Amino acid sequence: MRYISTRGGVDPIPFDDAVMMGLAADGGLLLPEEIPAVTPDRLEELAALPYPDLAVEIMAPFIGESVPAAEFERLVRASYAAFDHPDVVPLVRHGDIRILELFHGPTLAFKDVALQFLGNLFAWILARRGESLNIIGATSGDTGSAAIHGVRGRKRINIFMLHPRGRVSPVQERQMTSVMDANVHNIAIEGTFDDGQRIVKEIFGDLAFKERFHLGAVNSINWARVLAQSVYYVSACLQVPAAERRDGIDIVVPTGNFGNIFAGFCARRLGAPIHRLILAANANNILAEFITTGCYRRGTVEETWSPSMDIQVASNFERYLYFLLNCDPAAVRRAMADFAANGELTVTPEQFRRVREDFAAGFADNDETIATIRDFHRETGYILDPHTAVGVRVGRKYRRREGGLRPLVCLATAHPAKFPDAVIRAIGSPPPVPPALQGLEDLPTRCDTLPADTDAVRSYLTALLLRERC
């Protein structure tokens, strides 16, 4: 399996090189040359497998010869041994909706599913090559803690994680800043997540700087993230009884950066019986607007109860655009240049028809989010985190509008204890605190604050990394 850039400026490279490159050298995003299909009969054979075995089967064709089969299986098993549920991503039913719980990893968020694997993969590749890696990433909350816990204390790896100061939940912030390992560096920037994501992309665009300091990426710009996440879409389908999934299932995905739902798009292309992917946005609804109008237009970031989705420029949108534009890198380059210049991108009527075949979409505002947490708890006794509540709200609206009888699955992207303020506002009491969060508020923290300026962050990295070399 070889990997290419959405912008066409990278010669095809193997999986391990794609993992280490992160953002493509031409500024695009890496994708496999093809997405291998899994037949319906083969999927049925996989239905009884434990999650780690399913992950090996689904991901192996994308790995090629980059990682020996036995070593790859060991890496996958080690990645999911850290989860506290035997099913890793259990599917639970509450009333008219099924919830895929993706929060049983070390940091209680869906990002653990991919980042535990990516951390192990980085360590294996670096050890084999005798190299080191300096990871730089931006987070709207959950990617940061999951990435940090995936690589903390590892030899040959440093991680620098940017988060928007005051715009992540207090629990999310402490999960990052209380990690005191010497290879972990937290940076609070005076701006939004979009500012952090822009800074990371601009630093990666400085190829001389990237090569000099051996930079790597853990954001969903790294293809390995998307690949690992595609597995739980297959798992969700296979956890629904075969008779019920005969006509496919609908999956609603709370998303802000398009990476999670793009993983679902890939899962459907490889053969998962997904009828419709339903994108659920909060008030920062640039993606929902695109799916409902065909216009992708940058706006101003609003703070909401679901801060991990407070994003206006979705980095993974370019991967979908590549498929929408018939895998034409030149068309992608023109479209992304227009968006960079004008803050707006509009597709043709034919392309918009394809968008509507691929996705449905909706959004929930702050009041609707809180009301959904409250009402769902009254109905079922189950506590939703605010991001999952956005998904439940949008999914139920979709079902009422479409009158669908297919199974409806909502991805639960985080444990509600990570967002106690929203839960208290909704139901009047805090959610139970799992062991992973107990005592977190008493731990010491370490974090530096910088302006949302690429040169300031680049200078910070240069000074610290040069000092470490001395």
Protein backbone atom coordinates (compact mmCIF):
# COMPACT_ATOMS: atom_id res chain seq x y z
CA MET A 1 0.00 0.00 0.00
CA ARG A 2 1.33 3.41 -1.02
CA TYR A 3 0.23 6.89 0.07
CA ILE A 4 -0.26 10.05 -1.97
CA SER A 5 -1.05 13.69 -1.21
CA THR A 6 -4.39 15.36 -1.85
CA ARG A 7 -2.39 18.08 -3.63
CA GLY A 8 -0.33 15.74 -5.82
CA GLY A 9 3.14 16.96 -4.88
CA VAL A 10 4.42 13.85 -3.09
CA ASP A 11 5.65 10.69 -4.79
CA PRO A 12 3.84 7.58 -3.47
CA ILE A 13 5.33 6.49 -0.13
CA PRO A 14 4.85 3.45 2.14
CA PHE A 15 2.75 3.48 5.30
CA ASP A 16 5.59 4.04 7.77
CA ASP A 17 6.85 7.07 5.85
CA ALA A 18 3.30 8.44 5.71
CA VAL A 19 3.00 8.10 9.49
CA MET A 20 6.27 9.94 10.06
CA MET A 21 5.52 12.66 7.49
CA GLY A 22 2.16 13.59 9.07
CA LEU A 23 1.21 16.62 6.99
CA ALA A 24 2.27 16.03 3.39
CA ALA A 25 5.39 17.91 2.29
CA ASP A 26 3.32 19.83 -0.31
CA GLY A 27 0.87 21.08 2.34
CA GLY A 28 -1.80 18.51 1.51
CA LEU A 29 -3.01 15.47 3.43
CA LEU A 30 -1.94 11.90 2.82
CA LEU A 31 -4.34 9.20 1.63
CA PRO A 32 -3.91 5.60 0.47
CA GLU A 33 -3.83 5.14 -3.30
CA GLU A 34 -6.87 2.92 -2.87
CA ILE A 35 -9.22 1.82 -0.10
CA PRO A 36 -9.34 -2.00 -0.09
CA ALA A 37 -12.86 -3.44 -0.09
CA VAL A 38 -14.09 -6.00 2.44
CA THR A 39 -16.89 -8.22 1.12
CA PRO A 40 -20.16 -8.63 3.07
CA ASP A 41 -19.41 -12.32 3.61
CA ARG A 42 -15.99 -11.47 5.03
CA LEU A 43 -17.53 -8.86 7.33
CA GLU A 44 -19.89 -11.47 8.72
CA GLU A 45 -16.91 -13.71 9.42
CA LEU A 46 -15.32 -10.85 11.38
CA ALA A 47 -18.40 -10.15 13.48
CA ALA A 48 -17.43 -12.51 16.31
CA LEU A 49 -13.85 -11.25 16.67
CA PRO A 50 -12.72 -9.30 19.75
CA TYR A 51 -12.02 -5.66 18.97
CA PRO A 52 -8.20 -5.95 18.78
CA ASP A 53 -8.50 -8.82 16.30
CA LEU A 54 -11.01 -6.85 14.24
CA ALA A 55 -8.62 -3.88 14.23
CA VAL A 56 -5.80 -6.08 12.92
CA GLU A 57 -7.99 -7.45 10.12
CA ILE A 58 -9.31 -4.05 9.00
CA MET A 59 -6.04 -2.12 9.21
CA ALA A 60 -3.58 -4.74 7.93
CA PRO A 61 -4.21 -4.13 4.19
CA PHE A 62 -3.36 -0.44 4.72
CA ILE A 63 -0.07 -1.26 6.44
CA GLY A 64 1.44 -3.35 3.67
CA GLU A 65 4.98 -4.48 4.40
CA SER A 66 5.85 -1.47 6.55
CA VAL A 67 5.32 -3.41 9.79
CA PRO A 68 5.78 -7.20 10.01
CA ALA A 69 2.47 -8.94 10.64
CA ALA A 70 3.40 -10.38 14.04
CA GLU A 71 4.78 -7.03 15.21
CA PHE A 72 1.72 -5.17 13.96
CA GLU A 73 -0.57 -7.53 15.86
CA ARG A 74 1.49 -6.99 19.02
CA LEU A 75 1.24 -3.20 18.65
CA VAL A 76 -2.52 -3.34 18.22
CA ARG A 77 -3.05 -5.62 21.22
CA ALA A 78 -0.85 -3.43 23.40
CA SER A 79 -2.82 -0.35 22.33
CA TYR A 80 -6.18 -1.69 23.48
CA ALA A 81 -4.94 -3.39 26.64
CA ALA A 82 -5.14 0.06 28.26
CA PHE A 83 -8.95 0.24 27.89
CA ASP A 84 -11.17 -0.50 30.88
CA HIS A 85 -13.98 -2.31 29.03
CA PRO A 86 -13.54 -5.82 27.60
CA ASP A 87 -15.30 -4.80 24.37
CA VAL A 88 -13.11 -1.66 24.03
CA VAL A 89 -15.94 0.23 22.24
CA PRO A 90 -19.22 -1.25 23.56
CA LEU A 91 -22.58 -0.48 21.94
CA VAL A 92 -25.35 0.17 24.45
CA ARG A 93 -29.01 0.75 23.68
CA HIS A 94 -31.17 3.40 25.32
CA GLY A 95 -34.67 3.84 23.98
CA ASP A 96 -34.69 4.61 20.29
CA ILE A 97 -30.94 5.07 19.93
CA ARG A 98 -27.76 3.07 20.37
CA ILE A 99 -24.69 4.71 21.89
CA LEU A 100 -21.20 3.59 20.84
CA GLU A 101 -19.10 4.32 23.92
CA LEU A 102 -15.69 5.46 22.73
CA PHE A 103 -14.52 6.76 26.11
CA HIS A 104 -13.08 3.70 27.83
CA GLY A 105 -9.44 4.58 27.16
CA PRO A 106 -6.91 6.23 29.50
CA THR A 107 -8.16 9.82 28.97
CA LEU A 108 -11.87 8.98 28.61
CA ALA A 109 -12.25 10.26 25.04
CA PHE A 110 -12.57 8.76 21.57
CA LYS A 111 -9.13 10.05 20.64
CA ASP A 112 -7.59 7.27 22.77
CA VAL A 113 -8.75 4.66 20.24
CA ALA A 114 -6.34 6.05 17.66
CA LEU A 115 -3.67 7.71 19.78
CA GLN A 116 -2.79 4.72 21.93
CA PHE A 117 -2.09 2.92 18.65
CA LEU A 118 -0.24 5.86 17.12
CA GLY A 119 1.97 6.26 20.20
CA ASN A 120 2.99 2.61 20.05
CA LEU A 121 3.50 2.84 16.30
CA PHE A 122 5.73 5.92 16.59
CA ALA A 123 7.85 4.22 19.24
CA TRP A 124 8.30 1.09 17.11
CA ILE A 125 9.24 2.98 13.93
CA LEU A 126 11.69 5.25 15.76
CA ALA A 127 13.38 2.34 17.51
CA ARG A 128 13.77 0.48 14.23
CA ARG A 129 15.19 3.54 12.47
CA GLY A 130 17.29 4.79 15.37
CA GLU A 131 15.66 8.22 15.05
CA SER A 132 13.94 10.73 17.32
CA LEU A 133 10.70 12.69 16.85
CA ASN A 134 9.36 15.99 18.09
CA ILE A 135 5.59 15.93 17.89
CA ILE A 136 3.72 19.21 17.59
CA GLY A 137 -0.05 19.34 17.65
CA ALA A 138 -3.03 21.55 18.36
CA THR A 139 -6.03 20.46 20.39
CA SER A 140 -9.53 21.67 21.09
CA GLY A 141 -9.43 19.51 24.23
CA ASP A 142 -9.32 15.75 23.85
CA THR A 143 -6.58 15.19 21.27
CA GLY A 144 -4.05 16.83 23.58
CA SER A 145 -4.55 14.61 26.60
CA ALA A 146 -4.91 11.45 24.50
CA ALA A 147 -1.73 12.20 22.54
CA ILE A 148 0.20 13.10 25.66
CA HIS A 149 -0.83 9.89 27.41
CA GLY A 150 0.06 7.94 24.30
CA VAL A 151 3.71 9.10 24.29
CA ARG A 152 4.48 10.29 27.83
CA GLY A 153 7.80 9.02 29.11
CA ARG A 154 8.77 7.43 25.80
CA LYS A 155 12.35 7.52 24.65
CA ARG A 156 13.12 9.33 21.39
CA ILE A 157 9.85 11.36 21.53
CA ASN A 158 9.03 14.88 22.70
CA ILE A 159 5.51 16.28 22.42
CA PHE A 160 4.48 19.94 22.22
CA MET A 161 0.72 20.43 22.48
CA LEU A 162 -1.02 23.75 21.81
CA HIS A 163 -4.43 24.40 23.34
CA PRO A 164 -6.53 27.60 23.30
CA ARG A 165 -6.14 29.23 26.71
CA GLY A 166 -9.43 29.20 28.64
CA ARG A 167 -11.32 27.45 25.82
CA VAL A 168 -11.05 23.82 26.92
CA SER A 169 -12.82 22.34 29.93
CA PRO A 170 -10.95 22.49 33.27
CA VAL A 171 -10.76 18.69 33.29
CA GLN A 172 -9.33 18.59 29.78
CA GLU A 173 -6.77 21.22 30.71
CA ARG A 174 -5.63 19.38 33.83
CA GLN A 175 -5.42 16.06 32.00
CA MET A 176 -2.78 17.70 29.82
CA THR A 177 -0.95 20.06 32.12
CA SER A 178 -0.66 17.68 35.09
CA VAL A 179 1.52 15.28 33.09
CA MET A 180 5.00 16.10 34.37
CA ASP A 181 7.12 13.76 32.24
CA ALA A 182 10.16 15.54 30.86
CA ASN A 183 9.17 14.84 27.24
CA VAL A 184 5.78 16.58 27.58
CA HIS A 185 5.37 20.31 26.88
CA ASN A 186 2.03 22.13 27.06
CA ILE A 187 1.51 25.51 25.42
CA ALA A 188 -1.59 27.64 26.01
CA ILE A 189 -2.03 30.06 23.13
CA GLU A 190 -3.94 33.32 23.40
CA GLY A 191 -6.46 32.47 20.69
CA THR A 192 -8.75 29.76 19.35
CA PHE A 193 -8.18 26.18 18.27
CA ASP A 194 -8.24 27.39 14.67
CA ASP A 195 -5.28 29.63 15.53
CA GLY A 196 -3.42 26.65 16.98
CA GLN A 197 -4.19 24.49 13.97
CA ARG A 198 -3.03 27.27 11.64
CA ILE A 199 0.24 27.64 13.59
CA VAL A 200 0.92 23.90 13.40
CA LYS A 201 0.27 23.81 9.65
CA GLU A 202 2.48 26.85 9.04
CA ILE A 203 5.31 25.31 11.06
CA PHE A 204 4.98 22.06 9.12
CA GLY A 205 5.00 24.10 5.92
CA ASP A 206 8.49 25.33 6.84
CA LEU A 207 10.17 22.21 5.43
CA ALA A 208 13.67 23.19 6.50
CA PHE A 209 12.49 23.69 10.09
CA LYS A 210 10.47 20.46 10.00
CA GLU A 211 13.46 18.43 8.83
CA ARG A 212 15.96 20.14 11.13
CA PHE A 213 13.94 19.30 14.25
CA HIS A 214 12.35 16.00 13.09
CA LEU A 215 8.77 17.17 13.50
CA GLY A 216 5.82 14.76 13.47
CA ALA A 217 2.05 15.10 13.80
CA VAL A 218 -0.60 13.48 15.99
CA ASN A 219 -3.57 15.56 14.89
CA SER A 220 -5.99 13.87 12.53
CA ILE A 221 -3.85 15.24 9.70
CA ASN A 222 -1.91 12.02 10.39
CA TRP A 223 -3.49 9.26 8.30
CA ALA A 224 -2.88 6.61 11.00
CA ARG A 225 -5.40 8.45 13.19
CA VAL A 226 -8.14 8.18 10.58
CA LEU A 227 -7.30 4.55 9.83
CA ALA A 228 -7.53 3.47 13.48
CA GLN A 229 -10.81 5.34 13.93
CA SER A 230 -12.40 3.67 10.90
CA VAL A 231 -12.33 0.35 12.78
CA TYR A 232 -14.91 1.37 15.35
CA TYR A 233 -17.40 2.19 12.60
CA VAL A 234 -17.07 -1.39 11.39
CA SER A 235 -17.40 -2.58 14.99
CA ALA A 236 -20.56 -0.50 15.50
CA CYS A 237 -22.17 -2.09 12.46
CA LEU A 238 -21.21 -5.60 13.51
CA GLN A 239 -22.51 -5.11 17.06
CA VAL A 240 -26.00 -4.49 15.63
CA PRO A 241 -27.79 -7.84 15.08
CA ALA A 242 -27.43 -9.05 11.49
CA ALA A 243 -31.17 -9.01 10.80
CA GLU A 244 -31.42 -5.36 11.85
CA ARG A 245 -28.47 -4.14 9.80
CA ARG A 246 -29.60 -5.77 6.57
CA ASP A 247 -30.45 -2.39 5.03
CA GLY A 248 -27.56 -0.60 6.69
CA ILE A 249 -27.42 1.58 9.79
CA ASP A 250 -27.38 5.34 10.30
CA ILE A 251 -24.51 6.76 12.36
CA VAL A 252 -24.55 10.24 13.83
CA VAL A 253 -21.13 11.76 14.50
CA PRO A 254 -20.42 14.80 16.70
CA THR A 255 -17.56 16.43 14.83
CA GLY A 256 -15.71 19.71 14.49
CA ASN A 257 -12.58 18.88 12.51
CA PHE A 258 -14.15 16.36 10.10
CA GLY A 259 -11.61 13.67 11.02
CA ASN A 260 -14.02 11.44 12.91
CA ILE A 261 -16.73 11.46 10.28
CA PHE A 262 -14.16 11.09 7.49
CA ALA A 263 -13.07 7.86 9.19
CA GLY A 264 -16.70 6.77 8.84
CA PHE A 265 -16.65 7.76 5.16
CA CYS A 266 -13.61 5.50 4.69
CA ALA A 267 -15.26 2.66 6.63
CA ARG A 268 -18.28 2.83 4.34
CA ARG A 269 -16.03 2.79 1.26
CA LEU A 270 -14.27 -0.33 2.49
CA GLY A 271 -17.60 -2.09 2.96
CA ALA A 272 -19.13 -1.27 6.37
CA PRO A 273 -22.96 -1.40 6.04
CA ILE A 274 -23.51 2.30 6.77
CA HIS A 275 -26.56 3.80 5.10
CA ARG A 276 -26.08 7.41 6.14
CA LEU A 277 -23.44 9.37 8.04
CA ILE A 278 -25.08 12.22 9.94
CA LEU A 279 -22.79 15.09 10.87
CA ALA A 280 -23.70 16.77 14.17
CA ALA A 281 -22.30 20.24 14.83
CA ASN A 282 -22.72 22.79 17.58
CA ALA A 283 -23.11 26.54 16.97
CA ASN A 284 -19.82 26.40 15.04
CA ASN A 285 -21.69 24.79 12.19
CA ILE A 286 -19.53 25.46 9.11
CA LEU A 287 -19.58 21.75 8.24
CA ALA A 288 -23.33 21.35 8.71
CA GLU A 289 -23.90 24.42 6.55
CA PHE A 290 -21.72 22.94 3.83
CA ILE A 291 -23.68 19.70 3.81
CA THR A 292 -27.03 21.49 3.73
CA THR A 293 -26.13 24.33 1.32
CA GLY A 294 -23.00 23.32 -0.62
CA CYS A 295 -21.09 26.36 0.63
CA TYR A 296 -18.09 25.99 2.96
CA ARG A 297 -17.66 29.40 4.59
CA ARG A 298 -15.31 30.37 7.41
CA GLY A 299 -16.94 32.06 10.39
CA THR A 300 -16.06 33.24 13.88
CA VAL A 301 -15.51 30.65 16.59
CA GLU A 302 -18.19 30.68 19.29
CA GLU A 303 -17.62 29.21 22.75
CA THR A 304 -20.11 26.45 23.59
CA TRP A 305 -20.78 23.69 26.09
CA SER A 306 -19.09 21.29 23.66
CA PRO A 307 -15.66 22.95 23.36
CA SER A 308 -13.94 20.14 21.43
CA MET A 309 -16.17 21.10 18.49
CA ASP A 310 -15.52 24.85 18.68
CA ILE A 311 -13.78 24.86 15.29
CA GLN A 312 -14.39 26.75 12.07
CA VAL A 313 -11.67 25.46 9.73
CA ALA A 314 -11.78 21.65 9.57
CA SER A 315 -8.42 20.23 8.51
CA ASN A 316 -9.78 16.87 7.33
CA PHE A 317 -12.29 18.49 4.99
CA GLU A 318 -9.56 18.50 2.34
CA ARG A 319 -9.46 14.69 2.32
CA TYR A 320 -13.16 14.53 1.52
CA LEU A 321 -12.79 17.31 -1.04
CA TYR A 322 -10.20 15.15 -2.83
CA PHE A 323 -12.81 12.43 -3.39
CA LEU A 324 -15.54 14.95 -4.19
CA LEU A 325 -13.33 16.48 -6.90
CA ASN A 326 -12.77 13.06 -8.51
CA CYS A 327 -9.31 12.57 -6.98
CA ASP A 328 -7.93 15.51 -8.98
CA PRO A 329 -5.00 17.09 -7.05
CA ALA A 330 -4.94 20.18 -9.27
CA ALA A 331 -8.62 20.84 -8.52
CA VAL A 332 -7.95 20.41 -4.80
CA ARG A 333 -5.06 22.88 -4.93
CA ARG A 334 -7.24 25.47 -6.67
CA ALA A 335 -10.13 24.96 -4.25
CA MET A 336 -7.95 25.23 -1.15
CA ALA A 337 -6.18 28.30 -2.53
CA ASP A 338 -9.56 29.97 -3.16
CA PHE A 339 -10.70 29.12 0.36
CA ALA A 340 -7.48 30.49 1.85
CA ALA A 341 -7.89 33.71 -0.11
CA ASN A 342 -11.65 34.24 0.24
CA GLY A 343 -12.75 32.18 3.25
CA GLU A 344 -15.37 30.49 1.10
CA LEU A 345 -15.73 27.49 -1.18
CA THR A 346 -18.85 26.51 -3.16
CA VAL A 347 -19.35 23.23 -5.02
CA THR A 348 -21.25 22.64 -8.26
CA PRO A 349 -24.85 21.32 -8.27
CA GLU A 350 -23.61 17.86 -9.31
CA GLN A 351 -21.00 17.83 -6.55
CA PHE A 352 -23.62 19.00 -4.05
CA ARG A 353 -25.85 16.09 -5.04
CA ARG A 354 -23.00 13.75 -4.16
CA VAL A 355 -22.46 15.50 -0.84
CA ARG A 356 -26.11 14.91 0.03
CA GLU A 357 -25.73 11.24 -0.88
CA ASP A 358 -22.73 10.93 1.41
CA PHE A 359 -23.97 12.86 4.43
CA ALA A 360 -26.85 14.41 6.29
CA ALA A 361 -26.26 17.14 8.86
CA GLY A 362 -27.71 19.24 11.62
CA PHE A 363 -26.61 21.30 14.60
CA ALA A 364 -27.64 21.94 18.19
CA ASP A 365 -27.17 25.22 20.04
CA ASN A 366 -26.22 25.57 23.71
CA ASP A 367 -29.78 25.46 25.03
CA GLU A 368 -30.61 22.38 22.96
CA THR A 369 -27.45 20.67 24.19
CA ILE A 370 -28.32 21.18 27.84
CA ALA A 371 -31.96 20.21 27.25
CA THR A 372 -30.88 16.99 25.56
CA ILE A 373 -28.64 15.98 28.47
CA ARG A 374 -31.55 16.68 30.85
CA ASP A 375 -34.26 14.96 28.82
CA PHE A 376 -32.19 11.90 27.94
CA HIS A 377 -31.27 11.43 31.58
CA ARG A 378 -34.93 11.66 32.61
CA GLU A 379 -35.93 9.15 29.95
CA THR A 380 -33.16 6.60 30.38
CA GLY A 381 -31.04 7.39 33.44
CA TYR A 382 -28.00 7.68 31.13
CA ILE A 383 -25.78 10.77 31.31
CA LEU A 384 -24.53 12.21 28.03
CA ASP A 385 -21.50 14.44 27.71
CA PRO A 386 -22.31 17.67 25.81
CA HIS A 387 -20.70 16.53 22.54
CA THR A 388 -22.65 13.29 22.53
CA ALA A 389 -25.77 15.27 23.44
CA VAL A 390 -25.31 17.30 20.26
CA GLY A 391 -25.20 14.02 18.35
CA VAL A 392 -28.31 12.61 20.04
CA ARG A 393 -30.24 15.81 19.38
CA VAL A 394 -29.28 15.90 15.70
CA GLY A 395 -29.82 12.16 15.27
CA ARG A 396 -33.33 12.29 16.69
CA LYS A 397 -34.18 15.28 14.49
CA TYR A 398 -32.96 13.33 11.47
CA ARG A 399 -35.03 10.29 12.39
CA ARG A 400 -38.20 12.37 12.83
CA ARG A 401 -37.59 14.16 9.54
CA GLU A 402 -36.76 11.05 7.52
CA GLY A 403 -39.11 8.65 9.26
CA GLY A 404 -36.34 6.08 9.15
CA LEU A 405 -36.62 2.64 10.67
CA ARG A 406 -32.93 1.75 10.38
CA PRO A 407 -30.86 1.32 13.55
CA LEU A 408 -29.52 4.70 14.70
CA VAL A 409 -26.10 4.80 16.38
CA CYS A 410 -24.61 7.89 18.01
CA LEU A 411 -20.91 8.04 18.76
CA ALA A 412 -20.25 8.93 22.41
CA THR A 413 -17.03 10.85 22.07
CA ALA A 414 -16.22 11.56 25.74
CA HIS A 415 -17.13 10.58 29.28
CA PRO A 416 -19.54 13.07 30.88
CA ALA A 417 -17.22 13.51 33.88
CA LYS A 418 -14.90 15.52 31.63
CA PHE A 419 -17.59 18.22 31.38
CA PRO A 420 -19.18 18.43 34.85
CA ASP A 421 -20.34 22.04 34.52
CA ALA A 422 -22.60 21.19 31.58
CA VAL A 423 -23.96 18.10 33.33
CA ILE A 424 -24.67 19.99 36.55
CA ARG A 425 -26.48 22.69 34.60
CA ALA A 426 -28.59 20.02 32.89
CA ILE A 427 -29.48 17.57 35.67
CA GLY A 428 -28.59 19.46 38.84
CA SER A 429 -25.80 17.14 40.01
CA PRO A 430 -22.36 16.14 38.77
CA PRO A 431 -21.72 12.87 36.94
CA PRO A 432 -19.91 10.07 38.77
CA VAL A 433 -16.15 10.57 38.67
CA PRO A 434 -14.29 7.56 37.24
CA PRO A 435 -10.97 6.48 38.79
CA ALA A 436 -8.95 8.07 35.97
CA LEU A 437 -10.11 11.54 37.05
CA GLN A 438 -10.13 11.18 40.81
CA GLY A 439 -7.64 13.49 42.49
CA LEU A 440 -6.83 15.25 39.22
CA GLU A 441 -7.53 18.70 40.68
CA ASP A 442 -4.86 18.17 43.37
CA LEU A 443 -2.00 17.43 40.97
CA PRO A 444 0.68 20.01 40.12
CA THR A 445 0.57 21.45 36.60
CA ARG A 446 3.04 22.87 34.11
CA CYS A 447 2.22 25.00 31.06
CA ASP A 448 3.66 27.93 29.13
CA THR A 449 1.52 30.67 27.57
CA LEU A 450 2.31 32.17 24.16
CA PRO A 451 0.59 34.53 21.73
CA ALA A 452 -1.25 32.94 18.80
CA ASP A 453 1.68 33.71 16.55
CA THR A 454 3.62 31.22 14.43
CA ASP A 455 6.97 32.97 14.88
CA ALA A 456 6.53 33.01 18.67
CA VAL A 457 5.82 29.28 18.77
CA ARG A 458 8.65 28.51 16.34
CA SER A 459 11.09 30.52 18.49
CA TYR A 460 9.90 28.69 21.62
CA LEU A 461 10.45 25.30 19.96
CA THR A 462 13.87 26.32 18.65
CA ALA A 463 15.13 27.52 22.02
CA LEU A 464 13.92 24.46 23.90
CA LEU A 465 15.07 21.87 21.37
CA LEU A 466 18.48 23.45 20.97
CA ARG A 467 18.87 23.50 24.75
CA GLU A 468 18.00 19.81 24.91
CA ARG A 469 20.71 19.05 22.35
CA CYS A 470 23.35 20.71 24.51
